[in-house]
Amino acid sequence: MQEFEISLHSFQEVQEFISLATVQPFPVLVGNDVQQVNAKSFIGMVSLDYSRPLRVQADCDSSAGHSLRHVMQKFLCE
């Protein structure tokens, strides 16, 4: 399991994130302390609270996790 935090600030960023998550060959979850949703689900993603950073969990090995972090670079929390 690979984990990292992201921030999404607009509806366009949410759509872009979903598009990137959808092409991954492994499960990707996004959430916070209260809720966790499938990152490939539009309805799930729009139900999240974007006022705080979100935690991404990907069920993949470290190599695939590194690749995922690379494609999600613009959303990563610093």
C-alpha atoms as a PDB file:
ATOM      1  CA  MET A   1       0.000   0.000   0.000  1.00  0.00           C
ATOM      2  CA  GLN A   2       1.373   3.384  -1.044  1.00  0.00           C
ATOM      3  CA  GLU A   3       0.116   6.604   0.582  1.00  0.00           C
ATOM      4  CA  PHE A   4       0.506  10.332  -0.033  1.00  0.00           C
ATOM      5  CA  GLU A   5      -1.473  13.535   0.477  1.00  0.00           C
ATOM      6  CA  ILE A   6      -3.027  15.731  -2.184  1.00  0.00           C
ATOM      7  CA  SER A   7      -4.958  18.992  -2.397  1.00  0.00           C
ATOM      8  CA  LEU A   8      -7.603  19.661  -5.024  1.00  0.00           C
ATOM      9  CA  HIS A   9      -8.781  23.249  -5.434  1.00  0.00           C
ATOM     10  CA  SER A  10     -11.234  23.255  -8.341  1.00  0.00           C
ATOM     11  CA  PHE A  11     -13.775  21.096 -10.105  1.00  0.00           C
ATOM     12  CA  GLN A  12     -11.390  20.892 -13.072  1.00  0.00           C
ATOM     13  CA  GLU A  13      -8.649  19.484 -10.808  1.00  0.00           C
ATOM     14  CA  VAL A  14     -11.098  16.905  -9.425  1.00  0.00           C
ATOM     15  CA  GLN A  15     -11.957  15.813 -12.975  1.00  0.00           C
ATOM     16  CA  GLU A  16      -8.278  15.625 -13.933  1.00  0.00           C
ATOM     17  CA  PHE A  17      -7.450  13.613 -10.813  1.00  0.00           C
ATOM     18  CA  ILE A  18     -10.274  11.144 -11.542  1.00  0.00           C
ATOM     19  CA  SER A  19      -9.021  10.743 -15.122  1.00  0.00           C
ATOM     20  CA  LEU A  20      -5.516   9.949 -13.883  1.00  0.00           C
ATOM     21  CA  ALA A  21      -6.797   7.525 -11.228  1.00  0.00           C
ATOM     22  CA  THR A  22      -9.093   5.726 -13.670  1.00  0.00           C
ATOM     23  CA  VAL A  23      -6.250   4.528 -15.897  1.00  0.00           C
ATOM     24  CA  GLN A  24      -4.360   2.927 -13.003  1.00  0.00           C
ATOM     25  CA  PRO A  25      -4.513  -0.907 -13.010  1.00  0.00           C
ATOM     26  CA  PHE A  26      -4.879  -1.051  -9.203  1.00  0.00           C
ATOM     27  CA  PRO A  27      -7.362   0.284  -6.626  1.00  0.00           C
ATOM     28  CA  VAL A  28      -6.917   3.929  -5.620  1.00  0.00           C
ATOM     29  CA  LEU A  29      -8.764   5.319  -2.592  1.00  0.00           C
ATOM     30  CA  VAL A  30      -9.019   8.948  -1.468  1.00  0.00           C
ATOM     31  CA  GLY A  31     -10.272  10.305   1.805  1.00  0.00           C
ATOM     32  CA  ASN A  32      -9.798  11.881   5.176  1.00  0.00           C
ATOM     33  CA  ASP A  33     -10.383  10.805   8.771  1.00  0.00           C
ATOM     34  CA  VAL A  34     -14.148  10.620   8.242  1.00  0.00           C
ATOM     35  CA  GLN A  35     -14.663   9.267   4.729  1.00  0.00           C
ATOM     36  CA  GLN A  36     -12.855   7.188   2.106  1.00  0.00           C
ATOM     37  CA  VAL A  37     -13.987   6.796  -1.524  1.00  0.00           C
ATOM     38  CA  ASN A  38     -12.912   5.115  -4.733  1.00  0.00           C
ATOM     39  CA  ALA A  39     -10.793   7.669  -6.630  1.00  0.00           C
ATOM     40  CA  LYS A  40     -12.208   6.314  -9.893  1.00  0.00           C
ATOM     41  CA  SER A  41     -15.779   7.213  -8.859  1.00  0.00           C
ATOM     42  CA  PHE A  42     -16.991  10.654  -9.901  1.00  0.00           C
ATOM     43  CA  ILE A  43     -19.868  10.609  -7.403  1.00  0.00           C
ATOM     44  CA  GLY A  44     -17.580   9.483  -4.589  1.00  0.00           C
ATOM     45  CA  MET A  45     -14.975  12.109  -5.381  1.00  0.00           C
ATOM     46  CA  VAL A  46     -17.406  15.037  -5.497  1.00  0.00           C
ATOM     47  CA  SER A  47     -18.743  14.058  -2.058  1.00  0.00           C
ATOM     48  CA  LEU A  48     -15.398  14.786  -0.355  1.00  0.00           C
ATOM     49  CA  ASP A  49     -14.462  17.861   1.686  1.00  0.00           C
ATOM     50  CA  TYR A  50     -11.740  19.698  -0.261  1.00  0.00           C
ATOM     51  CA  SER A  51     -11.033  22.310   2.415  1.00  0.00           C
ATOM     52  CA  ARG A  52      -8.273  20.063   3.839  1.00  0.00           C
ATOM     53  CA  PRO A  53      -5.640  17.812   2.261  1.00  0.00           C
ATOM     54  CA  LEU A  54      -6.807  14.353   1.255  1.00  0.00           C
ATOM     55  CA  ARG A  55      -4.976  11.063   1.739  1.00  0.00           C
ATOM     56  CA  VAL A  56      -4.486   8.841  -1.324  1.00  0.00           C
ATOM     57  CA  GLN A  57      -4.012   5.111  -0.779  1.00  0.00           C
ATOM     58  CA  ALA A  58      -2.991   2.947  -3.716  1.00  0.00           C
ATOM     59  CA  ASP A  59      -2.935  -0.841  -3.492  1.00  0.00           C
ATOM     60  CA  CYS A  60       0.277  -1.305  -5.478  1.00  0.00           C
ATOM     61  CA  ASP A  61       3.990  -1.959  -5.099  1.00  0.00           C
ATOM     62  CA  SER A  62       6.549   0.797  -4.532  1.00  0.00           C
ATOM     63  CA  SER A  63       7.464   1.059  -8.229  1.00  0.00           C
ATOM     64  CA  ALA A  64       3.850   1.602  -9.290  1.00  0.00           C
ATOM     65  CA  GLY A  65       3.378   3.931  -6.315  1.00  0.00           C
ATOM     66  CA  HIS A  66       6.327   6.035  -7.456  1.00  0.00           C
ATOM     67  CA  SER A  67       4.848   6.225 -10.964  1.00  0.00           C
ATOM     68  CA  LEU A  68       1.470   7.244  -9.543  1.00  0.00           C
ATOM     69  CA  ARG A  69       3.065   9.991  -7.439  1.00  0.00           C
ATOM     70  CA  HIS A  70       4.833  11.221 -10.572  1.00  0.00           C
ATOM     71  CA  VAL A  71       1.619  11.540 -12.622  1.00  0.00           C
ATOM     72  CA  MET A  72      -0.159  13.135  -9.636  1.00  0.00           C
ATOM     73  CA  GLN A  73       2.728  15.558  -8.979  1.00  0.00           C
ATOM     74  CA  LYS A  74       0.683  18.745  -9.461  1.00  0.00           C
ATOM     75  CA  PHE A  75      -1.760  17.687  -6.720  1.00  0.00           C
ATOM     76  CA  LEU A  76       0.785  16.634  -4.072  1.00  0.00           C
ATOM     77  CA  CYS A  77       0.889  18.552  -0.800  1.00  0.00           C
ATOM     78  CA  GLU A  78       4.231  20.135  -0.085  1.00  0.00           C
END
